[in-house]
Amino acid sequence: MAETTIEKISAVELEQKIIEAIKLVYDPEIPVNVYDLGLIYDIKITEDSEAVVLMTLTAPTCPVAGGLPADVETSIKQVPEVKDAKVILTFDPPWDPSLLSDEAKLILGMM
């Protein structure tokens, strides 16, 4: 019986693919992707290849609060090795500019 299964990859490789997918999502008000903005606090991958992402927003009153987490989920689900994705929104700890990557700081003229 022939099966069409996706080749197993290591958790490290899968996490890197998930990060690359997340980097395709941009805050519509800031020209930097949500990963480099420091909005992604944690990425967990279950034994069933499900991605659970803990993220925040730049402010609780962010106008894209409803859409941005869904955009991240949708982007992660495009990774073939991911069976499902769930984004959990938190504001603890609150986001602050120290979470920006060096690349984001450079783009935003903060370096």
Protein backbone atom coordinates (compact mmCIF):
# COMPACT_ATOMS: atom_id res chain seq x y z
CA MET A 1 0.00 0.00 0.00
CA ALA A 2 1.52 3.30 -1.09
CA GLU A 3 1.32 6.20 1.31
CA THR A 4 1.84 9.83 0.53
CA THR A 5 3.51 11.05 3.68
CA ILE A 6 5.62 14.09 4.19
CA GLU A 7 9.21 13.31 4.99
CA LYS A 8 10.00 13.69 8.68
CA ILE A 9 12.27 16.57 9.53
CA SER A 10 13.85 17.50 12.83
CA ALA A 11 12.08 19.79 15.27
CA VAL A 12 14.81 22.39 14.72
CA GLU A 13 14.26 22.32 10.95
CA LEU A 14 10.50 22.52 11.38
CA GLU A 15 10.80 25.45 13.78
CA GLN A 16 12.99 27.26 11.24
CA LYS A 17 10.37 26.68 8.52
CA ILE A 18 7.69 28.02 10.87
CA ILE A 19 9.79 31.12 11.61
CA GLU A 20 10.26 31.72 7.89
CA ALA A 21 6.48 31.46 7.42
CA ILE A 22 5.87 33.89 10.28
CA LYS A 23 8.33 36.34 8.72
CA LEU A 24 5.93 36.63 5.76
CA VAL A 25 3.40 38.39 8.02
CA TYR A 26 3.84 42.14 8.43
CA ASP A 27 2.23 44.60 10.79
CA PRO A 28 0.30 46.83 8.36
CA GLU A 29 1.44 49.99 10.16
CA ILE A 30 5.13 49.11 10.48
CA PRO A 31 7.32 47.93 7.57
CA VAL A 32 8.75 45.01 9.60
CA ASN A 33 7.56 41.41 9.89
CA VAL A 34 5.98 40.29 13.16
CA TYR A 35 8.88 37.98 14.03
CA ASP A 36 11.52 40.71 13.77
CA LEU A 37 9.21 43.08 15.63
CA GLY A 38 9.56 40.72 18.58
CA LEU A 39 5.86 39.88 18.68
CA ILE A 40 6.49 36.12 18.77
CA TYR A 41 7.28 35.04 22.33
CA ASP A 42 7.35 31.25 21.93
CA ILE A 43 6.95 28.47 19.39
CA LYS A 44 6.13 24.95 20.51
CA ILE A 45 5.77 21.97 18.21
CA THR A 46 3.75 19.02 19.46
CA GLU A 47 4.51 15.38 18.73
CA ASP A 48 1.69 15.55 16.18
CA SER A 49 3.46 18.34 14.27
CA GLU A 50 1.08 21.01 15.49
CA ALA A 51 2.52 24.48 16.05
CA VAL A 52 1.45 26.46 19.09
CA VAL A 53 2.66 30.06 19.01
CA LEU A 54 2.51 32.58 21.83
CA MET A 55 2.47 36.11 20.48
CA THR A 56 1.68 39.65 21.48
CA LEU A 57 0.89 42.91 19.74
CA THR A 58 2.63 46.26 20.02
CA ALA A 59 -0.32 47.50 22.10
CA PRO A 60 -3.55 45.97 23.44
CA THR A 61 -5.50 48.57 21.46
CA CYS A 62 -3.74 47.64 18.22
CA PRO A 63 -6.28 48.00 15.36
CA VAL A 64 -5.20 44.67 13.82
CA ALA A 65 -5.65 42.69 17.05
CA GLY A 66 -8.28 40.46 15.48
CA GLY A 67 -6.53 39.86 12.18
CA LEU A 68 -2.82 39.62 12.84
CA PRO A 69 -2.89 36.42 14.94
CA ALA A 70 -5.12 34.80 12.31
CA ASP A 71 -2.67 35.86 9.58
CA VAL A 72 0.18 34.22 11.53
CA GLU A 73 -1.86 31.01 11.93
CA THR A 74 -2.70 30.93 8.23
CA SER A 75 0.92 31.47 7.25
CA ILE A 76 2.15 28.67 9.54
CA LYS A 77 -0.47 26.28 8.11
CA GLN A 78 1.17 26.75 4.71
CA VAL A 79 4.23 24.83 5.92
CA PRO A 80 3.63 21.31 4.54
CA GLU A 81 5.01 19.53 7.60
CA VAL A 82 2.67 21.38 9.99
CA LYS A 83 -0.58 19.54 10.66
CA ASP A 84 -2.26 22.47 12.44
CA ALA A 85 -1.41 25.82 14.02
CA LYS A 86 -2.78 27.74 16.96
CA VAL A 87 -1.80 31.26 17.98
CA ILE A 88 -2.36 32.35 21.56
CA LEU A 89 -2.41 36.09 22.16
CA THR A 90 -0.90 37.49 25.36
CA PHE A 91 0.05 40.88 26.73
CA ASP A 92 2.18 39.50 29.55
CA PRO A 93 4.85 40.70 29.34
CA PRO A 94 3.85 43.76 27.35
CA TRP A 95 5.75 44.38 24.13
CA ASP A 96 8.41 47.06 24.12
CA PRO A 97 11.00 48.22 21.54
CA SER A 98 13.79 46.23 23.22
CA LEU A 99 12.23 43.12 21.61
CA LEU A 100 13.02 44.35 18.08
CA SER A 101 15.62 42.35 16.18
CA ASP A 102 18.72 44.17 14.98
CA GLU A 103 17.33 43.96 11.43
CA ALA A 104 14.09 45.66 12.55
CA LYS A 105 16.02 48.36 14.40
CA LEU A 106 18.03 49.03 11.25
CA ILE A 107 14.89 49.23 9.09
CA LEU A 108 13.23 51.58 11.58
CA GLY A 109 16.33 53.79 11.89
CA MET A 110 16.97 52.88 15.53
CA MET A 111 20.61 51.84 15.06
